[in-house]
Amino acid sequence: MKSSFRPLLLLLAGMLLVHPPVQSQTHRPGHILTGADQIEKYLPLLKGANVAIFANQTATVGPSHLVDTLLKAGIHISKIFSPEHGFRGDADAGEHVNSAVDPKTGIPIISLYGSKRKPSAADLEGVDIMLFDIQDVGVRFYTYISSLQEYLESAIENHRPLIILDRPDPNGSYVDGPVLDKKFKSFVGMQPIPTVYGMTIGEYAKMLIGEHWLDTAADAAAAGFKLTIIPCKNYTHHSRYILPVKPSPNLPNMQSIYLYPSLCLFEGTAISLGRGTDKPFQQFGHPSFPKTLYHFTPASLPGAKNPPLLNQTCYGYDLSNTNVTKNKLSLHWIIQAYKLFPDKEHFFLANNFFNRLAGNDTLQQQIKDGLTEDQIRQSWQPSLNNFKTIRKKYLLYAE
């Protein structure tokens, strides 16, 4: 009897080690809990309702996707809305994403990064509650906050309550970069905020409403709107939070996320920042740079099917092991690249994308004029100080 019972105990113990309960993963004392992790706080709000969810692969509850968790709990999900990169998070940056049906659940997925970017009244027919759960990285040109704004506007205009399941901002410990000039408003920058704005999705939603930054129709209807934010637990703006799921194909690790605010400016130049390699947003280079430098060759890969400088050997710098300053956007690398680039007339792309990323046409001219990083940073300070005053009104977490 004992000899047969002992192996059974060992087998059960092994199963628990391989598949630890969700409760033990998400409720350790002092462990940061996302809004989604605290299911007891929002499940009662969803019971008996037809729910629409804006989400992608980052919407997780422990090891499970939020959609699967809610379906298992008996919640009726009538449709899913998806952002840039799609519901599964595998589409290229800027790639048109089509609507589809989720093969696992049979729920229709409506893309808000294709032919439209805002749910219509028809999309929301029969929907009682709208839910938003996306892992952001806290950088203005990362388009999830633009999607948040348009989803929020649709909720207000169509008189649907919205629940935001908040998540930590991995770049939330600082505020830096030029504040966007509204003349350069686009989907990579819709509001007068700096490049790094130091706010979670929930905090940012509060600011959009409080500062009357929504479109005219939504702003006029916002007075009676019901917004519920499920805040993170055990999180402050100085918490170190390691993302459990990569937020998009070309941000594969925390080094890329920390470098992203500084290196994404290269998207508006002739320089490769490593799309199509195993180190996207962790290196930069160009075929015309000195051949004595580190080198890499962009290839066609999932999430980067046609990267800049495809199949061309680029010479430059590997930043994958660089100690990144977590409280400062660095201009050092783009200034260095401009100085190295032999054809200065064609360093910045002619499509004006650099200015849309920068949020102004000043930064490009400052780099061309040879200003130092300190001189450029000094020009940001008045607008940054003004933004920090506005930001403080909407913070949910200690600094």
Protein backbone atom coordinates (compact mmCIF):
# COMPACT_ATOMS: atom_id res chain seq x y z
CA MET A 1 0.00 0.00 0.00
CA LYS A 2 2.69 2.52 1.02
CA SER A 3 4.87 1.69 -1.96
CA SER A 4 2.06 2.46 -4.46
CA PHE A 5 0.87 5.60 -2.59
CA ARG A 6 4.31 7.29 -2.49
CA PRO A 7 4.79 7.42 -6.30
CA LEU A 8 1.31 8.89 -6.59
CA LEU A 9 2.24 11.67 -4.16
CA LEU A 10 5.42 12.37 -6.08
CA LEU A 11 3.47 12.51 -9.34
CA LEU A 12 0.97 15.00 -7.88
CA ALA A 13 3.77 17.15 -6.46
CA GLY A 14 5.48 17.19 -9.83
CA MET A 15 2.25 18.28 -11.52
CA LEU A 16 1.90 21.17 -9.09
CA LEU A 17 5.45 22.29 -9.82
CA VAL A 18 4.87 22.23 -13.57
CA HIS A 19 1.41 23.84 -13.37
CA PRO A 20 1.34 26.08 -10.27
CA PRO A 21 -2.09 27.41 -9.34
CA VAL A 22 -2.93 30.91 -10.63
CA GLN A 23 -3.62 32.00 -7.05
CA SER A 24 -0.02 31.30 -5.98
CA GLN A 25 1.39 33.10 -9.02
CA THR A 26 -0.59 36.32 -8.69
CA HIS A 27 -1.16 36.79 -4.95
CA ARG A 28 2.28 36.65 -3.36
CA PRO A 29 2.63 39.37 -0.68
CA GLY A 30 4.08 42.52 -2.22
CA HIS A 31 3.87 41.11 -5.75
CA ILE A 32 2.57 43.59 -8.35
CA LEU A 33 -0.93 42.67 -9.45
CA THR A 34 -2.30 44.06 -12.68
CA GLY A 35 -5.93 45.12 -12.89
CA ALA A 36 -6.71 41.91 -14.78
CA ASP A 37 -5.13 39.79 -12.03
CA GLN A 38 -7.70 41.08 -9.53
CA ILE A 39 -10.61 39.30 -11.14
CA GLU A 40 -12.76 39.52 -8.01
CA LYS A 41 -12.97 43.30 -8.50
CA TYR A 42 -14.43 43.32 -12.00
CA LEU A 43 -16.13 39.94 -12.49
CA PRO A 44 -19.28 41.06 -10.65
CA LEU A 45 -19.51 44.07 -13.01
CA LEU A 46 -19.58 41.75 -16.04
CA LYS A 47 -22.03 39.09 -14.83
CA GLY A 48 -25.08 38.84 -17.09
CA ALA A 49 -23.75 41.45 -19.54
CA ASN A 50 -22.74 41.28 -23.20
CA VAL A 51 -19.10 42.34 -23.12
CA ALA A 52 -16.84 43.75 -25.84
CA ILE A 53 -13.10 43.53 -25.16
CA PHE A 54 -10.26 45.58 -26.63
CA ALA A 55 -7.20 43.36 -26.15
CA ASN A 56 -4.20 41.62 -27.63
CA GLN A 57 -1.78 38.90 -26.53
CA THR A 58 -0.72 40.94 -23.46
CA ALA A 59 -4.18 40.69 -21.81
CA THR A 60 -3.33 37.88 -19.43
CA VAL A 61 -4.52 36.67 -16.04
CA GLY A 62 -1.63 34.62 -14.68
CA PRO A 63 -0.80 32.11 -17.45
CA SER A 64 -4.19 32.45 -19.21
CA HIS A 65 -5.56 34.96 -21.67
CA LEU A 66 -8.23 37.30 -20.29
CA VAL A 67 -10.75 36.12 -22.89
CA ASP A 68 -10.29 32.48 -21.87
CA THR A 69 -10.47 33.38 -18.19
CA LEU A 70 -13.73 35.29 -18.60
CA LEU A 71 -15.34 32.63 -20.78
CA LYS A 72 -14.45 30.02 -18.17
CA ALA A 73 -16.10 32.22 -15.53
CA GLY A 74 -19.33 32.31 -17.55
CA ILE A 75 -18.98 35.83 -18.97
CA HIS A 76 -20.51 36.38 -22.41
CA ILE A 77 -18.04 38.06 -24.78
CA SER A 78 -19.83 39.20 -27.91
CA LYS A 79 -16.81 40.62 -29.76
CA ILE A 80 -13.14 41.41 -29.54
CA PHE A 81 -11.52 44.62 -30.81
CA SER A 82 -7.82 44.50 -31.72
CA PRO A 83 -5.06 47.18 -32.06
CA GLU A 84 -1.94 47.57 -34.19
CA HIS A 85 -0.17 44.18 -34.53
CA GLY A 86 -3.53 42.39 -34.21
CA PHE A 87 -5.19 40.30 -31.49
CA ARG A 88 -2.33 37.78 -31.47
CA GLY A 89 0.35 40.51 -31.66
CA ASP A 90 2.18 39.11 -34.68
CA ALA A 91 1.51 41.67 -37.45
CA ASP A 92 4.22 44.09 -38.62
CA ALA A 93 4.33 47.67 -37.35
CA GLY A 94 1.95 49.73 -39.48
CA GLU A 95 0.59 46.64 -41.25
CA HIS A 96 -3.11 46.79 -42.18
CA VAL A 97 -4.89 44.25 -39.95
CA ASN A 98 -8.12 42.67 -41.18
CA SER A 99 -11.11 41.70 -39.07
CA ALA A 100 -11.56 37.96 -38.54
CA VAL A 101 -12.97 35.29 -36.23
CA ASP A 102 -10.90 33.94 -33.33
CA PRO A 103 -10.39 30.26 -34.22
CA LYS A 104 -10.16 29.19 -30.58
CA THR A 105 -13.37 30.78 -29.29
CA GLY A 106 -15.37 31.62 -32.42
CA ILE A 107 -15.72 35.23 -31.24
CA PRO A 108 -15.60 37.86 -34.02
CA ILE A 109 -12.49 40.08 -33.95
CA ILE A 110 -12.93 43.62 -35.27
CA SER A 111 -9.66 45.27 -36.23
CA LEU A 112 -9.21 48.88 -35.18
CA TYR A 113 -5.97 49.12 -37.12
CA GLY A 114 -7.22 48.59 -40.64
CA SER A 115 -10.10 50.26 -42.44
CA LYS A 116 -11.18 52.01 -39.22
CA ARG A 117 -9.80 52.90 -35.79
CA LYS A 118 -12.94 53.46 -33.73
CA PRO A 119 -15.87 51.11 -32.96
CA SER A 120 -19.04 52.22 -34.74
CA ALA A 121 -22.58 52.24 -33.35
CA ALA A 122 -23.22 49.09 -35.41
CA ASP A 123 -20.16 47.39 -33.88
CA LEU A 124 -21.54 48.07 -30.41
CA GLU A 125 -25.09 46.91 -31.09
CA GLY A 126 -26.08 44.53 -28.30
CA VAL A 127 -22.96 45.37 -26.24
CA ASP A 128 -23.64 46.33 -22.61
CA ILE A 129 -20.09 46.96 -21.32
CA MET A 130 -16.78 47.74 -23.01
CA LEU A 131 -13.53 46.44 -21.50
CA PHE A 132 -9.96 47.59 -22.26
CA ASP A 133 -6.85 45.58 -21.36
CA ILE A 134 -3.57 46.27 -23.18
CA GLN A 135 0.03 46.34 -21.94
CA ASP A 136 1.47 49.72 -22.93
CA VAL A 137 5.11 50.87 -22.74
CA GLY A 138 4.55 54.53 -21.83
CA VAL A 139 5.90 56.17 -25.00
CA ARG A 140 3.87 58.67 -27.03
CA PHE A 141 4.43 57.14 -30.45
CA TYR A 142 3.49 53.62 -29.32
CA THR A 143 -0.01 53.58 -30.82
CA TYR A 144 -1.92 51.82 -28.05
CA ILE A 145 -2.72 55.13 -26.32
CA SER A 146 -4.13 56.47 -29.59
CA SER A 147 -6.31 53.35 -29.78
CA LEU A 148 -7.31 53.90 -26.14
CA GLN A 149 -8.48 57.43 -26.94
CA GLU A 150 -10.63 56.36 -29.87
CA TYR A 151 -12.09 53.40 -27.95
CA LEU A 152 -12.86 55.74 -25.05
CA GLU A 153 -14.51 58.25 -27.39
CA SER A 154 -16.65 55.50 -28.91
CA ALA A 155 -17.75 54.34 -25.45
CA ILE A 156 -18.79 57.86 -24.49
CA GLU A 157 -20.53 58.68 -27.78
CA ASN A 158 -22.46 55.39 -27.74
CA HIS A 159 -23.33 55.58 -24.03
CA ARG A 160 -21.54 52.39 -23.00
CA PRO A 161 -19.71 52.08 -19.66
CA LEU A 162 -16.01 51.33 -19.96
CA ILE A 163 -13.81 49.29 -17.62
CA ILE A 164 -10.04 49.68 -17.91
CA LEU A 165 -7.89 46.94 -16.40
CA ASP A 166 -4.75 48.89 -15.61
CA ARG A 167 -1.21 47.61 -16.07
CA PRO A 168 2.18 49.01 -14.93
CA ASP A 169 4.11 51.36 -17.20
CA PRO A 170 7.63 49.90 -17.63
CA ASN A 171 8.89 53.40 -18.49
CA GLY A 172 6.72 55.05 -15.84
CA SER A 173 9.50 56.31 -13.57
CA TYR A 174 10.30 59.43 -15.61
CA VAL A 175 8.94 62.12 -17.92
CA ASP A 176 11.15 63.30 -20.79
CA GLY A 177 11.38 64.39 -24.40
CA PRO A 178 9.77 67.13 -26.49
CA VAL A 179 6.08 67.84 -25.91
CA LEU A 180 4.04 67.34 -29.08
CA ASP A 181 3.03 70.43 -31.04
CA LYS A 182 -0.61 69.87 -32.10
CA LYS A 183 0.36 70.82 -35.70
CA PHE A 184 2.06 67.41 -35.83
CA LYS A 185 -0.90 65.41 -34.52
CA SER A 186 -1.13 61.90 -36.01
CA PHE A 187 -1.82 58.35 -34.85
CA VAL A 188 1.76 58.22 -33.49
CA GLY A 189 1.03 61.27 -31.36
CA MET A 190 -2.44 62.68 -30.75
CA GLN A 191 -1.97 64.85 -27.67
CA PRO A 192 0.44 67.52 -26.29
CA ILE A 193 2.42 65.09 -24.15
CA PRO A 194 6.17 64.40 -24.07
CA THR A 195 7.78 61.37 -25.68
CA VAL A 196 7.87 59.61 -22.29
CA TYR A 197 4.90 60.71 -20.21
CA GLY A 198 5.18 58.55 -17.08
CA MET A 199 1.57 57.34 -16.83
CA THR A 200 -0.31 54.07 -16.95
CA ILE A 201 -3.19 53.51 -19.36
CA GLY A 202 -5.69 54.21 -16.55
CA GLU A 203 -4.01 57.46 -15.56
CA TYR A 204 -3.80 58.55 -19.17
CA ALA A 205 -7.52 57.88 -19.72
CA LYS A 206 -8.32 60.11 -16.76
CA MET A 207 -6.18 62.86 -18.25
CA LEU A 208 -7.85 62.61 -21.67
CA ILE A 209 -11.22 63.21 -20.04
CA GLY A 210 -10.09 65.75 -17.44
CA GLU A 211 -8.15 67.93 -19.90
CA HIS A 212 -10.97 67.84 -22.49
CA TRP A 213 -8.65 66.29 -25.07
CA LEU A 214 -11.32 64.04 -26.58
CA ASP A 215 -13.07 64.84 -29.84
CA THR A 216 -15.92 67.36 -29.70
CA ALA A 217 -18.78 64.84 -29.57
CA ALA A 218 -17.18 62.72 -26.84
CA ASP A 219 -16.15 65.73 -24.76
CA ALA A 220 -19.69 67.10 -24.85
CA ALA A 221 -21.14 63.75 -23.70
CA ALA A 222 -18.49 62.92 -21.07
CA ALA A 223 -20.32 64.42 -18.08
CA GLY A 224 -22.54 61.39 -17.50
CA PHE A 225 -20.01 58.78 -18.62
CA LYS A 226 -19.15 55.84 -16.36
CA LEU A 227 -15.46 54.96 -16.42
CA THR A 228 -14.20 52.28 -14.03
CA ILE A 229 -10.47 51.74 -13.60
CA ILE A 230 -9.25 48.60 -11.84
CA PRO A 231 -5.86 49.84 -10.59
CA CYS A 232 -2.71 47.79 -10.14
CA LYS A 233 -1.85 46.65 -6.63
CA ASN A 234 1.59 47.04 -4.98
CA TYR A 235 2.75 49.28 -7.85
CA THR A 236 4.37 52.72 -7.77
CA HIS A 237 5.95 54.71 -10.57
CA HIS A 238 9.35 53.54 -9.39
CA SER A 239 8.48 49.84 -9.35
CA ARG A 240 10.54 47.63 -11.62
CA TYR A 241 8.04 45.61 -13.62
CA ILE A 242 9.19 42.92 -16.05
CA LEU A 243 6.61 42.35 -18.77
CA PRO A 244 5.55 38.68 -18.89
CA VAL A 245 4.56 38.90 -22.58
CA LYS A 246 6.28 40.95 -25.29
CA PRO A 247 3.95 43.85 -26.17
CA SER A 248 4.69 43.77 -29.91
CA PRO A 249 6.88 41.75 -32.31
CA ASN A 250 9.86 44.12 -32.26
CA LEU A 251 9.97 44.75 -28.52
CA PRO A 252 11.09 41.26 -27.45
CA ASN A 253 12.66 42.06 -24.07
CA MET A 254 13.07 44.75 -21.42
CA GLN A 255 16.26 46.13 -22.99
CA SER A 256 14.34 46.93 -26.18
CA ILE A 257 11.52 48.51 -24.15
CA TYR A 258 13.95 50.73 -22.22
CA LEU A 259 15.76 51.76 -25.44
CA TYR A 260 12.56 52.26 -27.44
CA PRO A 261 11.94 55.93 -26.50
CA SER A 262 15.42 56.88 -27.75
CA LEU A 263 15.83 54.57 -30.74
CA CYS A 264 12.38 54.84 -32.32
CA LEU A 265 13.40 58.23 -33.73
CA PHE A 266 15.54 56.25 -36.21
CA GLU A 267 12.28 55.12 -37.86
CA GLY A 268 12.18 58.56 -39.48
CA THR A 269 15.71 58.27 -40.87
CA ALA A 270 17.69 56.16 -43.34
CA ILE A 271 19.18 54.14 -40.44
CA SER A 272 18.20 50.57 -39.50
CA LEU A 273 17.43 50.00 -35.82
CA GLY A 274 17.54 46.24 -36.11
CA ARG A 275 14.10 45.28 -37.42
CA GLY A 276 14.53 41.93 -39.12
CA THR A 277 17.19 40.76 -36.67
CA ASP A 278 17.20 39.11 -33.25
CA LYS A 279 17.96 42.50 -31.64
CA PRO A 280 15.30 44.98 -32.82
CA PHE A 281 15.49 48.32 -30.98
CA GLN A 282 18.82 47.22 -29.51
CA GLN A 283 21.18 48.16 -32.33
CA PHE A 284 21.47 50.62 -35.19
CA GLY A 285 23.52 50.92 -38.33
CA HIS A 286 23.77 51.62 -42.05
CA PRO A 287 25.78 50.22 -44.99
CA SER A 288 27.61 53.56 -45.37
CA PHE A 289 28.97 53.62 -41.81
CA PRO A 290 32.64 52.62 -41.26
CA LYS A 291 33.23 48.94 -42.00
CA THR A 292 35.29 48.60 -38.81
CA LEU A 293 32.13 48.85 -36.69
CA TYR A 294 29.88 46.05 -35.43
CA HIS A 295 27.67 44.71 -38.22
CA PHE A 296 24.27 43.03 -38.75
CA THR A 297 22.05 42.19 -41.74
CA PRO A 298 18.25 42.69 -41.61
CA ALA A 299 16.28 39.72 -42.98
CA SER A 300 12.62 39.01 -43.59
CA LEU A 301 11.24 37.65 -40.31
CA PRO A 302 7.79 37.24 -38.73
CA GLY A 303 6.77 40.69 -37.50
CA ALA A 304 9.35 42.31 -39.82
CA LYS A 305 8.59 40.96 -43.28
CA ASN A 306 10.15 43.86 -45.19
CA PRO A 307 12.44 45.70 -42.77
CA PRO A 308 14.48 48.77 -43.77
CA LEU A 309 17.76 47.86 -45.53
CA LEU A 310 16.59 44.29 -46.10
CA ASN A 311 19.50 41.90 -46.84
CA GLN A 312 22.04 44.74 -46.66
CA THR A 313 24.98 44.54 -44.27
CA CYS A 314 24.73 47.42 -41.81
CA TYR A 315 27.63 48.70 -39.74
CA GLY A 316 26.97 50.40 -36.44
CA TYR A 317 26.46 49.77 -32.74
CA ASP A 318 25.14 46.94 -30.58
CA LEU A 319 23.30 48.32 -27.53
CA SER A 320 21.88 45.01 -26.31
CA ASN A 321 24.21 44.97 -23.29
CA THR A 322 24.37 48.73 -22.75
CA ASN A 323 23.42 49.93 -19.29
CA VAL A 324 20.36 52.04 -20.15
CA THR A 325 19.61 55.08 -18.01
CA LYS A 326 16.02 54.45 -16.91
CA ASN A 327 15.13 58.09 -16.24
CA LYS A 328 16.27 59.82 -19.40
CA LEU A 329 15.61 59.78 -23.12
CA SER A 330 18.99 59.77 -24.89
CA LEU A 331 19.74 61.76 -28.04
CA HIS A 332 23.35 60.63 -28.07
CA TRP A 333 22.84 57.84 -30.59
CA ILE A 334 20.85 59.77 -33.19
CA ILE A 335 23.27 62.73 -33.03
CA GLN A 336 26.17 60.31 -33.40
CA ALA A 337 24.51 58.61 -36.38
CA TYR A 338 23.84 61.95 -38.11
CA LYS A 339 27.49 62.94 -37.74
CA LEU A 340 28.62 59.57 -39.16
CA PHE A 341 26.20 59.57 -42.10
CA PRO A 342 28.00 60.78 -45.25
CA ASP A 343 24.90 61.93 -47.17
CA LYS A 344 23.42 64.43 -44.70
CA GLU A 345 20.72 65.53 -47.19
CA HIS A 346 19.14 62.08 -47.08
CA PHE A 347 19.57 61.18 -43.39
CA PHE A 348 16.00 62.23 -42.53
CA LEU A 349 13.31 60.59 -44.69
CA ALA A 350 11.39 62.89 -47.01
CA ASN A 351 7.99 61.65 -45.71
CA ASN A 352 8.11 63.90 -42.61
CA PHE A 353 7.80 60.85 -40.34
CA PHE A 354 10.68 61.99 -38.16
CA ASN A 355 8.80 65.18 -37.30
CA ARG A 356 5.65 63.24 -36.47
CA LEU A 357 7.66 61.01 -34.10
CA ALA A 358 9.42 64.00 -32.55
CA GLY A 359 6.14 65.89 -32.34
CA ASN A 360 7.68 69.00 -33.88
CA ASP A 361 9.97 70.21 -36.67
CA THR A 362 12.42 71.71 -34.19
CA LEU A 363 14.37 68.59 -33.20
CA GLN A 364 15.38 67.76 -36.77
CA GLN A 365 16.65 71.30 -37.29
CA GLN A 366 18.50 71.28 -33.97
CA ILE A 367 20.35 68.10 -34.98
CA LYS A 368 21.19 69.57 -38.39
CA ASP A 369 22.45 72.75 -36.73
CA GLY A 370 24.85 70.77 -34.55
CA LEU A 371 23.32 71.57 -31.16
CA THR A 372 24.52 69.40 -28.30
CA GLU A 373 22.22 67.03 -26.44
CA ASP A 374 22.28 69.33 -23.40
CA GLN A 375 21.29 72.35 -25.50
CA ILE A 376 18.41 70.44 -27.07
CA ARG A 377 17.23 69.08 -23.73
CA GLN A 378 17.24 72.57 -22.26
CA SER A 379 14.77 73.71 -24.94
CA TRP A 380 12.26 71.09 -23.73
CA GLN A 381 12.15 72.19 -20.10
CA PRO A 382 9.38 74.85 -20.07
CA SER A 383 6.88 72.55 -21.83
CA LEU A 384 7.97 69.55 -19.74
CA ASN A 385 7.45 71.44 -16.49
CA ASN A 386 3.99 72.50 -17.62
CA PHE A 387 3.08 68.92 -18.53
CA LYS A 388 4.33 67.57 -15.19
CA THR A 389 1.93 69.96 -13.42
CA ILE A 390 -0.98 68.67 -15.50
CA ARG A 391 0.07 65.03 -15.07
CA LYS A 392 0.08 65.19 -11.26
CA LYS A 393 -3.69 65.72 -11.16
CA TYR A 394 -4.36 62.30 -12.66
CA LEU A 395 -1.86 59.98 -10.99
CA LEU A 396 -3.25 56.84 -9.34
CA TYR A 397 0.12 55.65 -8.00
CA ALA A 398 2.84 57.14 -5.83
CA GLU A 399 5.95 58.59 -7.49
